[in-house]
Amino acid sequence: MARLEFNLPEQLKAAAEQRATAGGYDSVDSYIASLIEADETAPITDELEAELLMGLHSGPAEDVTPQFIADLRRRVRARRESAA
């Protein structure tokens, strides 16, 4: 196993130690390694990023109210019935 050393501000060091303990990790090293592994296995692809940006710029947001949900369900049912 390769060794990597780096410096952290005291506040981040304390936070890493707390998270490692709370998460049941054997050490801060294993906690940091798990963060890096998670980052490698869940990258945001260019395509996903483009879709997210398109959604952000698609127009004004709508409040999700009970009426919104009811209308959405009605539209979905209507589409299913027309496709059948």
N, C-alpha and C. Protein backbone atom coordinates (compact mmCIF):
# COMPACT_ATOMS: atom_id res chain seq x y z
N MET A 1 0.85 -1.18 0.00
CA MET A 1 0.00 0.00 0.00
C MET A 1 0.89 1.24 0.00
N ALA A 2 0.54 2.21 -0.81
CA ALA A 2 1.32 3.44 -0.90
C ALA A 2 0.98 4.37 0.25
N ARG A 3 1.93 5.17 0.63
CA ARG A 3 1.73 6.12 1.72
C ARG A 3 1.59 7.52 1.13
N LEU A 4 0.63 8.27 1.62
CA LEU A 4 0.37 9.63 1.18
C LEU A 4 0.25 10.49 2.42
N GLU A 5 0.97 11.58 2.45
CA GLU A 5 0.90 12.48 3.60
C GLU A 5 0.43 13.85 3.13
N PHE A 6 -0.40 14.49 3.93
CA PHE A 6 -0.84 15.84 3.63
C PHE A 6 -1.21 16.54 4.93
N ASN A 7 -1.28 17.85 4.86
CA ASN A 7 -1.60 18.66 6.04
C ASN A 7 -3.04 19.15 5.95
N LEU A 8 -3.70 19.15 7.10
CA LEU A 8 -5.06 19.67 7.20
C LEU A 8 -5.11 20.72 8.30
N PRO A 9 -5.95 21.72 8.15
CA PRO A 9 -6.18 22.61 9.27
C PRO A 9 -6.76 21.80 10.44
N GLU A 10 -6.51 22.23 11.63
CA GLU A 10 -6.94 21.50 12.83
C GLU A 10 -8.44 21.20 12.80
N GLN A 11 -9.24 22.15 12.33
CA GLN A 11 -10.69 21.96 12.28
C GLN A 11 -11.07 20.80 11.36
N LEU A 12 -10.43 20.69 10.21
CA LEU A 12 -10.73 19.59 9.30
C LEU A 12 -10.21 18.26 9.84
N LYS A 13 -9.08 18.29 10.50
CA LYS A 13 -8.54 17.08 11.10
C LYS A 13 -9.52 16.55 12.15
N ALA A 14 -10.03 17.44 13.00
CA ALA A 14 -10.99 17.03 14.03
C ALA A 14 -12.27 16.50 13.40
N ALA A 15 -12.73 17.15 12.33
CA ALA A 15 -13.95 16.70 11.65
C ALA A 15 -13.74 15.31 11.05
N ALA A 16 -12.58 15.07 10.43
CA ALA A 16 -12.30 13.76 9.84
C ALA A 16 -12.25 12.69 10.93
N GLU A 17 -11.66 13.01 12.06
CA GLU A 17 -11.59 12.05 13.16
C GLU A 17 -12.99 11.73 13.68
N GLN A 18 -13.83 12.75 13.82
CA GLN A 18 -15.20 12.53 14.30
C GLN A 18 -16.00 11.68 13.32
N ARG A 19 -15.88 11.98 12.05
CA ARG A 19 -16.64 11.23 11.04
C ARG A 19 -16.16 9.79 10.95
N ALA A 20 -14.85 9.60 11.07
CA ALA A 20 -14.31 8.24 11.04
C ALA A 20 -14.85 7.43 12.20
N THR A 21 -14.86 8.01 13.39
CA THR A 21 -15.37 7.32 14.57
C THR A 21 -16.87 7.06 14.42
N ALA A 22 -17.63 8.08 14.04
CA ALA A 22 -19.08 7.94 13.91
C ALA A 22 -19.45 6.94 12.81
N GLY A 23 -18.64 6.85 11.77
CA GLY A 23 -18.93 5.95 10.66
C GLY A 23 -18.43 4.53 10.87
N GLY A 24 -17.77 4.29 12.00
CA GLY A 24 -17.29 2.94 12.29
C GLY A 24 -16.04 2.55 11.53
N TYR A 25 -15.29 3.53 11.06
CA TYR A 25 -14.05 3.23 10.35
C TYR A 25 -12.95 2.90 11.36
N ASP A 26 -12.00 2.07 10.93
CA ASP A 26 -10.88 1.70 11.79
C ASP A 26 -9.95 2.88 12.04
N SER A 27 -9.88 3.78 11.09
CA SER A 27 -8.95 4.90 11.19
C SER A 27 -9.41 6.03 10.28
N VAL A 28 -8.80 7.19 10.46
CA VAL A 28 -9.07 8.30 9.55
C VAL A 28 -8.60 7.93 8.15
N ASP A 29 -7.50 7.16 8.06
CA ASP A 29 -7.01 6.73 6.75
C ASP A 29 -8.08 5.96 5.98
N SER A 30 -8.75 5.03 6.66
CA SER A 30 -9.78 4.24 5.96
C SER A 30 -10.98 5.10 5.60
N TYR A 31 -11.29 6.09 6.43
CA TYR A 31 -12.38 7.02 6.12
C TYR A 31 -12.04 7.83 4.87
N ILE A 32 -10.82 8.39 4.81
CA ILE A 32 -10.40 9.16 3.64
C ILE A 32 -10.38 8.28 2.39
N ALA A 33 -9.89 7.05 2.53
CA ALA A 33 -9.85 6.13 1.39
C ALA A 33 -11.26 5.86 0.87
N SER A 34 -12.23 5.72 1.78
CA SER A 34 -13.61 5.46 1.35
C SER A 34 -14.19 6.67 0.62
N LEU A 35 -13.81 7.88 1.02
CA LEU A 35 -14.27 9.08 0.32
C LEU A 35 -13.72 9.11 -1.10
N ILE A 36 -12.46 8.77 -1.26
CA ILE A 36 -11.85 8.77 -2.58
C ILE A 36 -12.48 7.68 -3.45
N GLU A 37 -12.71 6.49 -2.88
CA GLU A 37 -13.35 5.41 -3.64
C GLU A 37 -14.75 5.81 -4.09
N ALA A 38 -15.50 6.45 -3.20
CA ALA A 38 -16.86 6.88 -3.55
C ALA A 38 -16.81 7.91 -4.67
N ASP A 39 -15.84 8.79 -4.62
CA ASP A 39 -15.70 9.81 -5.66
C ASP A 39 -15.37 9.17 -7.01
N GLU A 40 -14.56 8.12 -6.99
CA GLU A 40 -14.19 7.45 -8.24
C GLU A 40 -15.34 6.65 -8.83
N THR A 41 -16.21 6.11 -8.00
CA THR A 41 -17.28 5.25 -8.50
C THR A 41 -18.54 6.00 -8.87
N ALA A 42 -18.63 7.28 -8.53
CA ALA A 42 -19.84 8.03 -8.83
C ALA A 42 -19.53 9.36 -9.51
N PRO A 43 -18.81 9.32 -10.62
CA PRO A 43 -18.51 10.60 -11.29
C PRO A 43 -19.73 11.13 -12.02
N ILE A 44 -19.82 12.43 -12.09
CA ILE A 44 -20.87 13.05 -12.90
C ILE A 44 -20.34 13.13 -14.32
N THR A 45 -21.02 12.48 -15.21
CA THR A 45 -20.58 12.48 -16.60
C THR A 45 -20.93 13.81 -17.25
N ASP A 46 -20.27 14.08 -18.35
CA ASP A 46 -20.58 15.30 -19.10
C ASP A 46 -22.03 15.32 -19.54
N GLU A 47 -22.54 14.14 -19.91
CA GLU A 47 -23.94 14.05 -20.36
C GLU A 47 -24.90 14.36 -19.22
N LEU A 48 -24.63 13.80 -18.04
CA LEU A 48 -25.49 14.07 -16.89
C LEU A 48 -25.43 15.54 -16.50
N GLU A 49 -24.22 16.09 -16.49
CA GLU A 49 -24.08 17.51 -16.16
C GLU A 49 -24.85 18.38 -17.14
N ALA A 50 -24.79 18.04 -18.43
CA ALA A 50 -25.52 18.81 -19.45
C ALA A 50 -27.02 18.72 -19.21
N GLU A 51 -27.51 17.52 -18.87
CA GLU A 51 -28.95 17.35 -18.59
C GLU A 51 -29.37 18.17 -17.36
N LEU A 52 -28.55 18.15 -16.33
CA LEU A 52 -28.87 18.92 -15.12
C LEU A 52 -28.91 20.41 -15.42
N LEU A 53 -27.94 20.88 -16.18
CA LEU A 53 -27.92 22.30 -16.55
C LEU A 53 -29.12 22.66 -17.41
N MET A 54 -29.50 21.78 -18.34
CA MET A 54 -30.67 22.02 -19.17
C MET A 54 -31.92 22.15 -18.30
N GLY A 55 -32.03 21.28 -17.29
CA GLY A 55 -33.16 21.37 -16.39
C GLY A 55 -33.18 22.66 -15.60
N LEU A 56 -32.02 23.09 -15.16
CA LEU A 56 -31.94 24.34 -14.40
C LEU A 56 -32.37 25.54 -15.22
N HIS A 57 -32.08 25.48 -16.52
CA HIS A 57 -32.37 26.62 -17.39
C HIS A 57 -33.65 26.43 -18.21
N SER A 58 -34.48 25.47 -17.83
CA SER A 58 -35.65 25.15 -18.64
C SER A 58 -36.85 26.06 -18.37
N GLY A 59 -36.74 26.92 -17.42
CA GLY A 59 -37.85 27.81 -17.13
C GLY A 59 -38.08 27.92 -15.64
N PRO A 60 -39.07 28.68 -15.27
CA PRO A 60 -39.32 28.88 -13.85
C PRO A 60 -39.76 27.59 -13.16
N ALA A 61 -39.37 27.46 -11.93
CA ALA A 61 -39.75 26.28 -11.14
C ALA A 61 -41.22 26.36 -10.76
N GLU A 62 -41.81 25.20 -10.56
CA GLU A 62 -43.20 25.13 -10.11
C GLU A 62 -43.22 24.60 -8.69
N ASP A 63 -44.11 25.13 -7.88
CA ASP A 63 -44.29 24.58 -6.54
C ASP A 63 -44.97 23.23 -6.65
N VAL A 64 -44.45 22.26 -5.91
CA VAL A 64 -45.06 20.93 -5.91
C VAL A 64 -46.07 20.90 -4.76
N THR A 65 -47.30 21.18 -5.12
CA THR A 65 -48.41 21.22 -4.16
C THR A 65 -49.27 19.99 -4.37
N PRO A 66 -50.19 19.73 -3.45
CA PRO A 66 -51.13 18.62 -3.67
C PRO A 66 -51.89 18.76 -4.99
N GLN A 67 -52.24 19.97 -5.36
CA GLN A 67 -52.94 20.19 -6.64
C GLN A 67 -52.04 19.86 -7.82
N PHE A 68 -50.76 20.21 -7.74
CA PHE A 68 -49.80 19.88 -8.79
C PHE A 68 -49.72 18.38 -8.97
N ILE A 69 -49.62 17.63 -7.87
CA ILE A 69 -49.53 16.17 -7.92
C ILE A 69 -50.80 15.58 -8.52
N ALA A 70 -51.95 16.10 -8.11
CA ALA A 70 -53.23 15.61 -8.65
C ALA A 70 -53.30 15.84 -10.15
N ASP A 71 -52.89 17.02 -10.61
CA ASP A 71 -52.91 17.33 -12.04
C ASP A 71 -51.93 16.44 -12.80
N LEU A 72 -50.77 16.19 -12.22
CA LEU A 72 -49.78 15.33 -12.85
C LEU A 72 -50.33 13.91 -13.01
N ARG A 73 -50.94 13.40 -11.95
CA ARG A 73 -51.53 12.06 -12.02
C ARG A 73 -52.62 11.99 -13.09
N ARG A 74 -53.44 13.03 -13.20
CA ARG A 74 -54.49 13.08 -14.20
C ARG A 74 -53.90 13.06 -15.60
N ARG A 75 -52.83 13.83 -15.83
CA ARG A 75 -52.20 13.86 -17.15
C ARG A 75 -51.57 12.50 -17.49
N VAL A 76 -50.96 11.86 -16.51
CA VAL A 76 -50.34 10.55 -16.76
C VAL A 76 -51.41 9.52 -17.10
N ARG A 77 -52.52 9.51 -16.34
CA ARG A 77 -53.61 8.58 -16.64
C ARG A 77 -54.16 8.81 -18.05
N ALA A 78 -54.32 10.08 -18.41
CA ALA A 78 -54.85 10.41 -19.73
C ALA A 78 -53.90 9.91 -20.83
N ARG A 79 -52.61 10.04 -20.63
CA ARG A 79 -51.65 9.56 -21.63
C ARG A 79 -51.69 8.04 -21.75
N ARG A 80 -51.80 7.37 -20.59
CA ARG A 80 -51.87 5.90 -20.62
C ARG A 80 -53.11 5.44 -21.38
N GLU A 81 -54.23 6.09 -21.11
CA GLU A 81 -55.48 5.70 -21.75
C GLU A 81 -55.44 5.97 -23.25
N SER A 82 -54.83 7.06 -23.66
CA SER A 82 -54.76 7.39 -25.08
C SER A 82 -53.76 6.49 -25.81
N ALA A 83 -52.77 5.96 -25.09
CA ALA A 83 -51.78 5.07 -25.70
C ALA A 83 -52.29 3.64 -25.80
N ALA A 84 -53.28 3.30 -25.03
CA ALA A 84 -53.80 1.92 -25.02
C ALA A 84 -54.68 1.61 -26.18
